[in-house]
Amino acid sequence: MSNIQQGLLISAIGMGLVFVVIIFLWGLMALMMRLTSVKRKPEVGAVSETTLAPEISVIPEMQTAESQRRAAAAAVAVLMAMASQRRRSAQNSQAETALGMNPWQSYHRERQLENRNLRG
């Protein structure tokens, strides 16, 4: 057997083993899913949610209360975001004014403006 044939045989065995292990792990995960996600039947004496029917007049009141809570939560979230944005912009402007511009920066910016005017 030549070196090329031996290399191809080793490569084929290696790839085959990789796929066998992948299929084995796939089967093992499927088995674990079946074992862990077993749906349990409710007990005979237990009361389920479907047997307890709420009064019809209570449902619209709950819906309006829930919609009001959601609207209030959305308003609070928007206000917090706006306050955060304002705080960030104020901090950025304070940082820019605190740093200022040193003579080195002003000299080079002046040169850039002069060059821009010369170019046309």
PDB file of N, CA and C in Angstrom:
ATOM      1  N   MET A   1       0.840  -1.151   0.000  1.00  0.00           N
ATOM      2  CA  MET A   1       0.000   0.000   0.000  1.00  0.00           C
ATOM      3  C   MET A   1       0.903   1.238   0.000  1.00  0.00           C
ATOM      4  N   SER A   2       0.562   2.201  -0.858  1.00  0.00           N
ATOM      5  CA  SER A   2       1.395   3.400  -0.951  1.00  0.00           C
ATOM      6  C   SER A   2       1.001   4.394   0.148  1.00  0.00           C
ATOM      7  N   ASN A   3       1.818   5.417   0.239  1.00  0.00           N
ATOM      8  CA  ASN A   3       1.576   6.432   1.269  1.00  0.00           C
ATOM      9  C   ASN A   3       0.253   7.164   1.039  1.00  0.00           C
ATOM     10  N   ILE A   4      -0.066   7.425  -0.211  1.00  0.00           N
ATOM     11  CA  ILE A   4      -1.311   8.130  -0.520  1.00  0.00           C
ATOM     12  C   ILE A   4      -2.507   7.283  -0.131  1.00  0.00           C
ATOM     13  N   GLN A   5      -2.470   6.011  -0.471  1.00  0.00           N
ATOM     14  CA  GLN A   5      -3.583   5.119  -0.126  1.00  0.00           C
ATOM     15  C   GLN A   5      -3.717   4.991   1.397  1.00  0.00           C
ATOM     16  N   GLN A   6      -2.617   4.897   2.071  1.00  0.00           N
ATOM     17  CA  GLN A   6      -2.657   4.782   3.518  1.00  0.00           C
ATOM     18  C   GLN A   6      -3.226   6.070   4.143  1.00  0.00           C
ATOM     19  N   GLY A   7      -2.834   7.221   3.623  1.00  0.00           N
ATOM     20  CA  GLY A   7      -3.363   8.503   4.112  1.00  0.00           C
ATOM     21  C   GLY A   7      -4.859   8.630   3.859  1.00  0.00           C
ATOM     22  N   LEU A   8      -5.310   8.195   2.675  1.00  0.00           N
ATOM     23  CA  LEU A   8      -6.739   8.247   2.374  1.00  0.00           C
ATOM     24  C   LEU A   8      -7.530   7.314   3.284  1.00  0.00           C
ATOM     25  N   LEU A   9      -6.987   6.143   3.570  1.00  0.00           N
ATOM     26  CA  LEU A   9      -7.654   5.192   4.450  1.00  0.00           C
ATOM     27  C   LEU A   9      -7.777   5.759   5.866  1.00  0.00           C
ATOM     28  N   ILE A  10      -6.717   6.350   6.365  1.00  0.00           N
ATOM     29  CA  ILE A  10      -6.750   6.951   7.700  1.00  0.00           C
ATOM     30  C   ILE A  10      -7.742   8.107   7.732  1.00  0.00           C
ATOM     31  N   SER A  11      -7.776   8.926   6.681  1.00  0.00           N
ATOM     32  CA  SER A  11      -8.724  10.043   6.618  1.00  0.00           C
ATOM     33  C   SER A  11     -10.157   9.536   6.594  1.00  0.00           C
ATOM     34  N   ALA A  12     -10.423   8.489   5.807  1.00  0.00           N
ATOM     35  CA  ALA A  12     -11.777   7.941   5.723  1.00  0.00           C
ATOM     36  C   ALA A  12     -12.207   7.360   7.074  1.00  0.00           C
ATOM     37  N   ILE A  13     -11.318   6.668   7.753  1.00  0.00           N
ATOM     38  CA  ILE A  13     -11.649   6.114   9.063  1.00  0.00           C
ATOM     39  C   ILE A  13     -11.921   7.241  10.059  1.00  0.00           C
ATOM     40  N   GLY A  14     -11.110   8.269  10.045  1.00  0.00           N
ATOM     41  CA  GLY A  14     -11.293   9.404  10.948  1.00  0.00           C
ATOM     42  C   GLY A  14     -12.613  10.120  10.707  1.00  0.00           C
ATOM     43  N   MET A  15     -12.933  10.392   9.431  1.00  0.00           N
ATOM     44  CA  MET A  15     -14.198  11.060   9.137  1.00  0.00           C
ATOM     45  C   MET A  15     -15.376  10.171   9.499  1.00  0.00           C
ATOM     46  N   GLY A  16     -15.261   8.874   9.246  1.00  0.00           N
ATOM     47  CA  GLY A  16     -16.332   7.951   9.609  1.00  0.00           C
ATOM     48  C   GLY A  16     -16.572   7.942  11.107  1.00  0.00           C
ATOM     49  N   LEU A  17     -15.498   7.933  11.885  1.00  0.00           N
ATOM     50  CA  LEU A  17     -15.639   7.957  13.334  1.00  0.00           C
ATOM     51  C   LEU A  17     -16.283   9.255  13.819  1.00  0.00           C
ATOM     52  N   VAL A  18     -15.939  10.355  13.191  1.00  0.00           N
ATOM     53  CA  VAL A  18     -16.540  11.633  13.571  1.00  0.00           C
ATOM     54  C   VAL A  18     -18.046  11.586  13.354  1.00  0.00           C
ATOM     55  N   PHE A  19     -18.479  11.087  12.196  1.00  0.00           N
ATOM     56  CA  PHE A  19     -19.907  11.034  11.919  1.00  0.00           C
ATOM     57  C   PHE A  19     -20.615  10.030  12.817  1.00  0.00           C
ATOM     58  N   VAL A  20     -19.979   8.922  13.140  1.00  0.00           N
ATOM     59  CA  VAL A  20     -20.579   7.945  14.049  1.00  0.00           C
ATOM     60  C   VAL A  20     -20.779   8.560  15.424  1.00  0.00           C
ATOM     61  N   VAL A  21     -19.810   9.289  15.917  1.00  0.00           N
ATOM     62  CA  VAL A  21     -19.931   9.927  17.223  1.00  0.00           C
ATOM     63  C   VAL A  21     -21.005  11.004  17.198  1.00  0.00           C
ATOM     64  N   ILE A  22     -21.093  11.774  16.108  1.00  0.00           N
ATOM     65  CA  ILE A  22     -22.128  12.806  16.001  1.00  0.00           C
ATOM     66  C   ILE A  22     -23.514  12.165  16.027  1.00  0.00           C
ATOM     67  N   ILE A  23     -23.715  11.088  15.288  1.00  0.00           N
ATOM     68  CA  ILE A  23     -25.003  10.400  15.273  1.00  0.00           C
ATOM     69  C   ILE A  23     -25.309   9.813  16.649  1.00  0.00           C
ATOM     70  N   PHE A  24     -24.303   9.279  17.329  1.00  0.00           N
ATOM     71  CA  PHE A  24     -24.495   8.736  18.667  1.00  0.00           C
ATOM     72  C   PHE A  24     -24.942   9.823  19.630  1.00  0.00           C
ATOM     73  N   LEU A  25     -24.286  10.994  19.581  1.00  0.00           N
ATOM     74  CA  LEU A  25     -24.657  12.098  20.462  1.00  0.00           C
ATOM     75  C   LEU A  25     -26.063  12.614  20.151  1.00  0.00           C
ATOM     76  N   TRP A  26     -26.433  12.634  18.871  1.00  0.00           N
ATOM     77  CA  TRP A  26     -27.767  13.057  18.464  1.00  0.00           C
ATOM     78  C   TRP A  26     -28.814  12.117  19.056  1.00  0.00           C
ATOM     79  N   GLY A  27     -28.575  10.843  18.959  1.00  0.00           N
ATOM     80  CA  GLY A  27     -29.487   9.860  19.537  1.00  0.00           C
ATOM     81  C   GLY A  27     -29.569   9.988  21.047  1.00  0.00           C
ATOM     82  N   LEU A  28     -28.432  10.220  21.680  1.00  0.00           N
ATOM     83  CA  LEU A  28     -28.401  10.376  23.130  1.00  0.00           C
ATOM     84  C   LEU A  28     -29.199  11.615  23.560  1.00  0.00           C
ATOM     85  N   MET A  29     -29.077  12.726  22.815  1.00  0.00           N
ATOM     86  CA  MET A  29     -29.841  13.924  23.139  1.00  0.00           C
ATOM     87  C   MET A  29     -31.335  13.695  22.932  1.00  0.00           C
ATOM     88  N   ALA A  30     -31.710  12.982  21.867  1.00  0.00           N
ATOM     89  CA  ALA A  30     -33.123  12.686  21.635  1.00  0.00           C
ATOM     90  C   ALA A  30     -33.684  11.831  22.766  1.00  0.00           C
ATOM     91  N   LEU A  31     -32.915  10.851  23.228  1.00  0.00           N
ATOM     92  CA  LEU A  31     -33.343  10.012  24.331  1.00  0.00           C
ATOM     93  C   LEU A  31     -33.522  10.826  25.607  1.00  0.00           C
ATOM     94  N   MET A  32     -32.586  11.719  25.883  1.00  0.00           N
ATOM     95  CA  MET A  32     -32.681  12.544  27.078  1.00  0.00           C
ATOM     96  C   MET A  32     -33.891  13.482  27.015  1.00  0.00           C
ATOM     97  N   MET A  33     -34.192  13.995  25.834  1.00  0.00           N
ATOM     98  CA  MET A  33     -35.364  14.855  25.685  1.00  0.00           C
ATOM     99  C   MET A  33     -36.642  14.076  25.971  1.00  0.00           C
ATOM    100  N   ARG A  34     -36.719  12.866  25.483  1.00  0.00           N
ATOM    101  CA  ARG A  34     -37.907  12.050  25.733  1.00  0.00           C
ATOM    102  C   ARG A  34     -38.051  11.714  27.203  1.00  0.00           C
ATOM    103  N   LEU A  35     -36.940  11.437  27.862  1.00  0.00           N
ATOM    104  CA  LEU A  35     -37.012  11.064  29.270  1.00  0.00           C
ATOM    105  C   LEU A  35     -37.346  12.255  30.162  1.00  0.00           C
ATOM    106  N   THR A  36     -36.831  13.423  29.832  1.00  0.00           N
ATOM    107  CA  THR A  36     -37.005  14.574  30.717  1.00  0.00           C
ATOM    108  C   THR A  36     -38.255  15.389  30.404  1.00  0.00           C
ATOM    109  N   SER A  37     -38.827  15.273  29.247  1.00  0.00           N
ATOM    110  CA  SER A  37     -39.995  16.094  28.908  1.00  0.00           C
ATOM    111  C   SER A  37     -41.274  15.262  28.869  1.00  0.00           C
ATOM    112  N   VAL A  38     -41.413  14.363  29.801  1.00  0.00           N
ATOM    113  CA  VAL A  38     -42.614  13.547  29.888  1.00  0.00           C
ATOM    114  C   VAL A  38     -43.719  14.411  30.481  1.00  0.00           C
ATOM    115  N   LYS A  39     -44.849  14.456  29.789  1.00  0.00           N
ATOM    116  CA  LYS A  39     -45.969  15.231  30.297  1.00  0.00           C
ATOM    117  C   LYS A  39     -46.722  14.381  31.295  1.00  0.00           C
ATOM    118  N   ARG A  40     -46.912  14.931  32.461  1.00  0.00           N
ATOM    119  CA  ARG A  40     -47.591  14.200  33.508  1.00  0.00           C
ATOM    120  C   ARG A  40     -49.076  14.475  33.449  1.00  0.00           C
ATOM    121  N   LYS A  41     -49.851  13.446  33.694  1.00  0.00           N
ATOM    122  CA  LYS A  41     -51.304  13.590  33.706  1.00  0.00           C
ATOM    123  C   LYS A  41     -51.720  14.199  35.040  1.00  0.00           C
ATOM    124  N   PRO A  42     -52.721  15.079  35.019  1.00  0.00           N
ATOM    125  CA  PRO A  42     -53.157  15.660  36.288  1.00  0.00           C
ATOM    126  C   PRO A  42     -53.827  14.605  37.156  1.00  0.00           C
ATOM    127  N   GLU A  43     -53.687  14.799  38.448  1.00  0.00           N
ATOM    128  CA  GLU A  43     -54.280  13.860  39.379  1.00  0.00           C
ATOM    129  C   GLU A  43     -55.793  13.980  39.346  1.00  0.00           C
ATOM    130  N   VAL A  44     -56.462  12.937  39.784  1.00  0.00           N
ATOM    131  CA  VAL A  44     -57.917  12.906  39.729  1.00  0.00           C
ATOM    132  C   VAL A  44     -58.517  13.964  40.635  1.00  0.00           C
ATOM    133  N   GLY A  45     -57.978  14.149  41.811  1.00  0.00           N
ATOM    134  CA  GLY A  45     -58.519  15.096  42.775  1.00  0.00           C
ATOM    135  C   GLY A  45     -58.098  16.530  42.527  1.00  0.00           C
ATOM    136  N   ALA A  46     -57.126  16.747  41.656  1.00  0.00           N
ATOM    137  CA  ALA A  46     -56.605  18.090  41.414  1.00  0.00           C
ATOM    138  C   ALA A  46     -57.578  18.894  40.563  1.00  0.00           C
ATOM    139  N   VAL A  47     -57.611  20.197  40.800  1.00  0.00           N
ATOM    140  CA  VAL A  47     -58.477  21.085  40.048  1.00  0.00           C
ATOM    141  C   VAL A  47     -57.617  21.783  39.002  1.00  0.00           C
ATOM    142  N   SER A  48     -58.013  21.674  37.751  1.00  0.00           N
ATOM    143  CA  SER A  48     -57.231  22.313  36.694  1.00  0.00           C
ATOM    144  C   SER A  48     -57.765  23.705  36.433  1.00  0.00           C
ATOM    145  N   GLU A  49     -57.020  24.485  35.687  1.00  0.00           N
ATOM    146  CA  GLU A  49     -57.411  25.860  35.410  1.00  0.00           C
ATOM    147  C   GLU A  49     -58.604  25.928  34.483  1.00  0.00           C
ATOM    148  N   THR A  50     -58.774  24.924  33.632  1.00  0.00           N
ATOM    149  CA  THR A  50     -59.884  24.965  32.690  1.00  0.00           C
ATOM    150  C   THR A  50     -61.218  24.718  33.377  1.00  0.00           C
ATOM    151  N   THR A  51     -61.221  24.035  34.495  1.00  0.00           N
ATOM    152  CA  THR A  51     -62.481  23.786  35.196  1.00  0.00           C
ATOM    153  C   THR A  51     -62.944  25.003  35.966  1.00  0.00           C
ATOM    154  N   LEU A  52     -62.042  25.896  36.320  1.00  0.00           N
ATOM    155  CA  LEU A  52     -62.421  27.106  37.020  1.00  0.00           C
ATOM    156  C   LEU A  52     -62.649  28.214  35.998  1.00  0.00           C
ATOM    157  N   ALA A  53     -63.899  28.527  35.719  1.00  0.00           N
ATOM    158  CA  ALA A  53     -64.219  29.567  34.740  1.00  0.00           C
ATOM    159  C   ALA A  53     -64.473  30.862  35.475  1.00  0.00           C
ATOM    160  N   PRO A  54     -63.708  31.934  35.191  1.00  0.00           N
ATOM    161  CA  PRO A  54     -63.953  33.209  35.860  1.00  0.00           C
ATOM    162  C   PRO A  54     -65.240  33.837  35.348  1.00  0.00           C
ATOM    163  N   GLU A  55     -65.765  34.724  36.145  1.00  0.00           N
ATOM    164  CA  GLU A  55     -66.970  35.414  35.727  1.00  0.00           C
ATOM    165  C   GLU A  55     -66.677  36.265  34.504  1.00  0.00           C
ATOM    166  N   ILE A  56     -67.665  36.400  33.659  1.00  0.00           N
ATOM    167  CA  ILE A  56     -67.474  37.114  32.400  1.00  0.00           C
ATOM    168  C   ILE A  56     -67.265  38.606  32.651  1.00  0.00           C
ATOM    169  N   SER A  57     -67.872  39.173  33.667  1.00  0.00           N
ATOM    170  CA  SER A  57     -67.755  40.607  33.926  1.00  0.00           C
ATOM    171  C   SER A  57     -66.368  40.978  34.450  1.00  0.00           C
ATOM    172  N   VAL A  58     -65.644  40.033  35.024  1.00  0.00           N
ATOM    173  CA  VAL A  58     -64.330  40.317  35.579  1.00  0.00           C
ATOM    174  C   VAL A  58     -63.273  40.430  34.486  1.00  0.00           C
ATOM    175  N   ILE A  59     -63.425  39.695  33.420  1.00  0.00           N
ATOM    176  CA  ILE A  59     -62.404  39.659  32.367  1.00  0.00           C
ATOM    177  C   ILE A  59     -62.160  41.022  31.731  1.00  0.00           C
ATOM    178  N   PRO A  60     -63.189  41.788  31.304  1.00  0.00           N
ATOM    179  CA  PRO A  60     -62.892  43.103  30.717  1.00  0.00           C
ATOM    180  C   PRO A  60     -62.214  44.042  31.704  1.00  0.00           C
ATOM    181  N   GLU A  61     -62.594  43.980  32.981  1.00  0.00           N
ATOM    182  CA  GLU A  61     -61.944  44.829  33.972  1.00  0.00           C
ATOM    183  C   GLU A  61     -60.470  44.471  34.109  1.00  0.00           C
ATOM    184  N   MET A  62     -60.175  43.178  34.091  1.00  0.00           N
ATOM    185  CA  MET A  62     -58.780  42.751  34.174  1.00  0.00           C
ATOM    186  C   MET A  62     -58.009  43.177  32.938  1.00  0.00           C
ATOM    187  N   GLN A  63     -58.653  43.116  31.790  1.00  0.00           N
ATOM    188  CA  GLN A  63     -57.972  43.511  30.559  1.00  0.00           C
ATOM    189  C   GLN A  63     -57.657  45.001  30.553  1.00  0.00           C
ATOM    190  N   THR A  64     -58.595  45.820  31.011  1.00  0.00           N
ATOM    191  CA  THR A  64     -58.316  47.258  31.041  1.00  0.00           C
ATOM    192  C   THR A  64     -57.240  47.581  32.062  1.00  0.00           C
ATOM    193  N   ALA A  65     -57.277  46.907  33.208  1.00  0.00           N
ATOM    194  CA  ALA A  65     -56.244  47.145  34.222  1.00  0.00           C
ATOM    195  C   ALA A  65     -54.873  46.723  33.699  1.00  0.00           C
ATOM    196  N   GLU A  66     -54.829  45.589  33.001  1.00  0.00           N
ATOM    197  CA  GLU A  66     -53.556  45.119  32.440  1.00  0.00           C
ATOM    198  C   GLU A  66     -53.050  46.069  31.360  1.00  0.00           C
ATOM    199  N   SER A  67     -53.946  46.553  30.518  1.00  0.00           N
ATOM    200  CA  SER A  67     -53.509  47.492  29.469  1.00  0.00           C
ATOM    201  C   SER A  67     -53.012  48.800  30.093  1.00  0.00           C
ATOM    202  N   GLN A  68     -53.643  49.248  31.191  1.00  0.00           N
ATOM    203  CA  GLN A  68     -53.173  50.459  31.862  1.00  0.00           C
ATOM    204  C   GLN A  68     -51.804  50.235  32.490  1.00  0.00           C
ATOM    205  N   ARG A  69     -51.591  49.063  33.069  1.00  0.00           N
ATOM    206  CA  ARG A  69     -50.271  48.756  33.644  1.00  0.00           C
ATOM    207  C   ARG A  69     -49.198  48.733  32.562  1.00  0.00           C
ATOM    208  N   ARG A  70     -49.535  48.125  31.443  1.00  0.00           N
ATOM    209  CA  ARG A  70     -48.555  48.066  30.343  1.00  0.00           C
ATOM    210  C   ARG A  70     -48.243  49.456  29.800  1.00  0.00           C
ATOM    211  N   ALA A  71     -49.277  50.292  29.670  1.00  0.00           N
ATOM    212  CA  ALA A  71     -49.054  51.654  29.178  1.00  0.00           C
ATOM    213  C   ALA A  71     -48.181  52.438  30.161  1.00  0.00           C
ATOM    214  N   ALA A  72     -48.430  52.259  31.443  1.00  0.00           N
ATOM    215  CA  ALA A  72     -47.618  52.949  32.446  1.00  0.00           C
ATOM    216  C   ALA A  72     -46.176  52.461  32.403  1.00  0.00           C
ATOM    217  N   ALA A  73     -45.988  51.156  32.254  1.00  0.00           N
ATOM    218  CA  ALA A  73     -44.630  50.614  32.174  1.00  0.00           C
ATOM    219  C   ALA A  73     -43.910  51.133  30.942  1.00  0.00           C
ATOM    220  N   ALA A  74     -44.626  51.224  29.813  1.00  0.00           N
ATOM    221  CA  ALA A  74     -44.010  51.752  28.594  1.00  0.00           C
ATOM    222  C   ALA A  74     -43.632  53.215  28.761  1.00  0.00           C
ATOM    223  N   ALA A  75     -44.508  53.986  29.405  1.00  0.00           N
ATOM    224  CA  ALA A  75     -44.208  55.402  29.623  1.00  0.00           C
ATOM    225  C   ALA A  75     -42.989  55.574  30.517  1.00  0.00           C
ATOM    226  N   VAL A  76     -42.897  54.775  31.564  1.00  0.00           N
ATOM    227  CA  VAL A  76     -41.735  54.855  32.462  1.00  0.00           C
ATOM    228  C   VAL A  76     -40.456  54.485  31.721  1.00  0.00           C
ATOM    229  N   ALA A  77     -40.536  53.445  30.878  1.00  0.00           N
ATOM    230  CA  ALA A  77     -39.352  53.031  30.118  1.00  0.00           C
ATOM    231  C   ALA A  77     -38.897  54.127  29.164  1.00  0.00           C
ATOM    232  N   VAL A  78     -39.847  54.784  28.509  1.00  0.00           N
ATOM    233  CA  VAL A  78     -39.496  55.868  27.583  1.00  0.00           C
ATOM    234  C   VAL A  78     -38.875  57.043  28.336  1.00  0.00           C
ATOM    235  N   LEU A  79     -39.464  57.396  29.479  1.00  0.00           N
ATOM    236  CA  LEU A  79     -38.901  58.496  30.258  1.00  0.00           C
ATOM    237  C   LEU A  79     -37.500  58.184  30.764  1.00  0.00           C
ATOM    238  N   MET A  80     -37.282  56.944  31.182  1.00  0.00           N
ATOM    239  CA  MET A  80     -35.942  56.565  31.636  1.00  0.00           C
ATOM    240  C   MET A  80     -34.933  56.636  30.496  1.00  0.00           C
ATOM    241  N   ALA A  81     -35.336  56.202  29.313  1.00  0.00           N
ATOM    242  CA  ALA A  81     -34.433  56.256  28.171  1.00  0.00           C
ATOM    243  C   ALA A  81     -34.115  57.703  27.795  1.00  0.00           C
ATOM    244  N   MET A  82     -35.140  58.554  27.830  1.00  0.00           N
ATOM    245  CA  MET A  82     -34.912  59.965  27.501  1.00  0.00           C
ATOM    246  C   MET A  82     -33.992  60.623  28.530  1.00  0.00           C
ATOM    247  N   ALA A  83     -34.192  60.317  29.811  1.00  0.00           N
ATOM    248  CA  ALA A  83     -33.338  60.885  30.851  1.00  0.00           C
ATOM    249  C   ALA A  83     -31.906  60.404  30.699  1.00  0.00           C
ATOM    250  N   SER A  84     -31.740  59.144  30.368  1.00  0.00           N
ATOM    251  CA  SER A  84     -30.400  58.597  30.166  1.00  0.00           C
ATOM    252  C   SER A  84     -29.710  59.278  28.986  1.00  0.00           C
ATOM    253  N   GLN A  85     -30.465  59.503  27.915  1.00  0.00           N
ATOM    254  CA  GLN A  85     -29.895  60.167  26.740  1.00  0.00           C
ATOM    255  C   GLN A  85     -29.490  61.593  27.077  1.00  0.00           C
ATOM    256  N   ARG A  86     -30.340  62.293  27.822  1.00  0.00           N
ATOM    257  CA  ARG A  86     -30.001  63.672  28.205  1.00  0.00           C
ATOM    258  C   ARG A  86     -28.761  63.705  29.088  1.00  0.00           C
ATOM    259  N   ARG A  87     -28.693  62.759  30.021  1.00  0.00           N
ATOM    260  CA  ARG A  87     -27.535  62.711  30.919  1.00  0.00           C
ATOM    261  C   ARG A  87     -26.260  62.444  30.126  1.00  0.00           C
ATOM    262  N   ARG A  88     -26.346  61.512  29.160  1.00  0.00           N
ATOM    263  CA  ARG A  88     -25.164  61.208  28.349  1.00  0.00           C
ATOM    264  C   ARG A  88     -24.724  62.414  27.534  1.00  0.00           C
ATOM    265  N   SER A  89     -25.680  63.114  26.924  1.00  0.00           N
ATOM    266  CA  SER A  89     -25.304  64.273  26.110  1.00  0.00           C
ATOM    267  C   SER A  89     -24.728  65.385  26.983  1.00  0.00           C
ATOM    268  N   ALA A  90     -25.274  65.540  28.195  1.00  0.00           N
ATOM    269  CA  ALA A  90     -24.725  66.557  29.102  1.00  0.00           C
ATOM    270  C   ALA A  90     -23.312  66.185  29.534  1.00  0.00           C
ATOM    271  N   GLN A  91     -23.090  64.908  29.819  1.00  0.00           N
ATOM    272  CA  GLN A  91     -21.748  64.475  30.216  1.00  0.00           C
ATOM    273  C   GLN A  91     -20.765  64.654  29.072  1.00  0.00           C
ATOM    274  N   ASN A  92     -21.193  64.361  27.845  1.00  0.00           N
ATOM    275  CA  ASN A  92     -20.299  64.531  26.695  1.00  0.00           C
ATOM    276  C   ASN A  92     -19.947  65.999  26.484  1.00  0.00           C
ATOM    277  N   SER A  93     -20.939  66.890  26.622  1.00  0.00           N
ATOM    278  CA  SER A  93     -20.640  68.310  26.422  1.00  0.00           C
ATOM    279  C   SER A  93     -19.739  68.844  27.539  1.00  0.00           C
ATOM    280  N   GLN A  94     -19.946  68.377  28.772  1.00  0.00           N
ATOM    281  CA  GLN A  94     -19.077  68.793  29.872  1.00  0.00           C
ATOM    282  C   GLN A  94     -17.654  68.301  29.660  1.00  0.00           C
ATOM    283  N   ALA A  95     -17.516  67.069  29.152  1.00  0.00           N
ATOM    284  CA  ALA A  95     -16.178  66.530  28.915  1.00  0.00           C
ATOM    285  C   ALA A  95     -15.468  67.321  27.821  1.00  0.00           C
ATOM    286  N   GLU A  96     -16.220  67.719  26.789  1.00  0.00           N
ATOM    287  CA  GLU A  96     -15.602  68.475  25.710  1.00  0.00           C
ATOM    288  C   GLU A  96     -15.146  69.851  26.194  1.00  0.00           C
ATOM    289  N   THR A  97     -15.971  70.497  27.011  1.00  0.00           N
ATOM    290  CA  THR A  97     -15.572  71.830  27.490  1.00  0.00           C
ATOM    291  C   THR A  97     -14.470  71.741  28.538  1.00  0.00           C
ATOM    292  N   ALA A  98     -14.474  70.672  29.334  1.00  0.00           N
ATOM    293  CA  ALA A  98     -13.440  70.521  30.360  1.00  0.00           C
ATOM    294  C   ALA A  98     -12.080  70.270  29.725  1.00  0.00           C
ATOM    295  N   LEU A  99     -12.084  69.488  28.655  1.00  0.00           N
ATOM    296  CA  LEU A  99     -10.809  69.187  28.000  1.00  0.00           C
ATOM    297  C   LEU A  99     -10.263  70.408  27.288  1.00  0.00           C
ATOM    298  N   GLY A 100     -11.129  71.149  26.642  1.00  0.00           N
ATOM    299  CA  GLY A 100     -10.684  72.323  25.927  1.00  0.00           C
ATOM    300  C   GLY A 100      -9.755  71.949  24.785  1.00  0.00           C
ATOM    301  N   MET A 101      -9.063  72.946  24.272  1.00  0.00           N
ATOM    302  CA  MET A 101      -8.147  72.696  23.185  1.00  0.00           C
ATOM    303  C   MET A 101      -6.804  73.291  23.566  1.00  0.00           C
ATOM    304  N   ASN A 102      -5.783  72.461  23.506  1.00  0.00           N
ATOM    305  CA  ASN A 102      -4.464  72.969  23.866  1.00  0.00           C
ATOM    306  C   ASN A 102      -3.849  73.686  22.663  1.00  0.00           C
ATOM    307  N   PRO A 103      -2.783  74.407  22.843  1.00  0.00           N
ATOM    308  CA  PRO A 103      -2.179  75.182  21.743  1.00  0.00           C
ATOM    309  C   PRO A 103      -1.764  74.311  20.556  1.00  0.00           C
ATOM    310  N   TRP A 104      -1.316  73.105  20.838  1.00  0.00           N
ATOM    311  CA  TRP A 104      -0.896  72.220  19.754  1.00  0.00           C
ATOM    312  C   TRP A 104      -2.071  71.915  18.850  1.00  0.00           C
ATOM    313  N   GLN A 105      -3.221  71.583  19.415  1.00  0.00           N
ATOM    314  CA  GLN A 105      -4.397  71.272  18.609  1.00  0.00           C
ATOM    315  C   GLN A 105      -4.884  72.505  17.853  1.00  0.00           C
ATOM    316  N   SER A 106      -4.897  73.643  18.491  1.00  0.00           N
ATOM    317  CA  SER A 106      -5.381  74.850  17.816  1.00  0.00           C
ATOM    318  C   SER A 106      -4.485  75.219  16.645  1.00  0.00           C
ATOM    319  N   TYR A 107      -3.171  75.046  16.794  1.00  0.00           N
ATOM    320  CA  TYR A 107      -2.240  75.348  15.705  1.00  0.00           C
ATOM    321  C   TYR A 107      -2.515  74.444  14.502  1.00  0.00           C
ATOM    322  N   HIS A 108      -2.660  73.145  14.751  1.00  0.00           N
ATOM    323  CA  HIS A 108      -2.867  72.214  13.633  1.00  0.00           C
ATOM    324  C   HIS A 108      -4.247  72.364  13.005  1.00  0.00           C
ATOM    325  N   ARG A 109      -5.238  72.696  13.789  1.00  0.00           N
ATOM    326  CA  ARG A 109      -6.559  72.913  13.199  1.00  0.00           C
ATOM    327  C   ARG A 109      -6.564  74.171  12.346  1.00  0.00           C
ATOM    328  N   GLU A 110      -5.839  75.169  12.778  1.00  0.00           N
ATOM    329  CA  GLU A 110      -5.737  76.383  11.987  1.00  0.00           C
ATOM    330  C   GLU A 110      -5.051  76.104  10.659  1.00  0.00           C
ATOM    331  N   ARG A 111      -3.998  75.276  10.695  1.00  0.00           N
ATOM    332  CA  ARG A 111      -3.308  74.902   9.455  1.00  0.00           C
ATOM    333  C   ARG A 111      -4.219  74.117   8.523  1.00  0.00           C
ATOM    334  N   GLN A 112      -5.051  73.235   9.091  1.00  0.00           N
ATOM    335  CA  GLN A 112      -5.977  72.471   8.254  1.00  0.00           C
ATOM    336  C   GLN A 112      -6.982  73.393   7.575  1.00  0.00           C
ATOM    337  N   LEU A 113      -7.476  74.370   8.310  1.00  0.00           N
ATOM    338  CA  LEU A 113      -8.423  75.304   7.716  1.00  0.00           C
ATOM    339  C   LEU A 113      -7.762  76.140   6.629  1.00  0.00           C
ATOM    340  N   GLU A 114      -6.524  76.537   6.838  1.00  0.00           N
ATOM    341  CA  GLU A 114      -5.814  77.300   5.819  1.00  0.00           C
ATOM    342  C   GLU A 114      -5.602  76.466   4.572  1.00  0.00           C
ATOM    343  N   ASN A 115      -5.229  75.204   4.723  1.00  0.00           N
ATOM    344  CA  ASN A 115      -5.020  74.316   3.570  1.00  0.00           C
ATOM    345  C   ASN A 115      -6.325  74.062   2.829  1.00  0.00           C
ATOM    346  N   ARG A 116      -7.427  73.972   3.557  1.00  0.00           N
ATOM    347  CA  ARG A 116      -8.711  73.724   2.914  1.00  0.00           C
ATOM    348  C   ARG A 116      -9.084  74.922   2.043  1.00  0.00           C
ATOM    349  N   ASN A 117      -8.808  76.128   2.522  1.00  0.00           N
ATOM    350  CA  ASN A 117      -9.140  77.319   1.744  1.00  0.00           C
ATOM    351  C   ASN A 117      -8.230  77.438   0.526  1.00  0.00           C
ATOM    352  N   LEU A 118      -6.979  76.978   0.603  1.00  0.00           N
ATOM    353  CA  LEU A 118      -6.068  77.074  -0.536  1.00  0.00           C
ATOM    354  C   LEU A 118      -6.427  76.088  -1.626  1.00  0.00           C
ATOM    355  N   ARG A 119      -6.980  74.933  -1.238  1.00  0.00           N
ATOM    356  CA  ARG A 119      -7.316  73.932  -2.251  1.00  0.00           C
ATOM    357  C   ARG A 119      -8.472  74.366  -3.129  1.00  0.00           C
ATOM    358  N   GLY A 120      -9.347  75.132  -2.628  1.00  0.00           N
ATOM    359  CA  GLY A 120     -10.407  75.643  -3.458  1.00  0.00           C
ATOM    360  C   GLY A 120     -11.691  75.173  -3.104  1.00  0.00           C
TER     361      GLY A 120
END
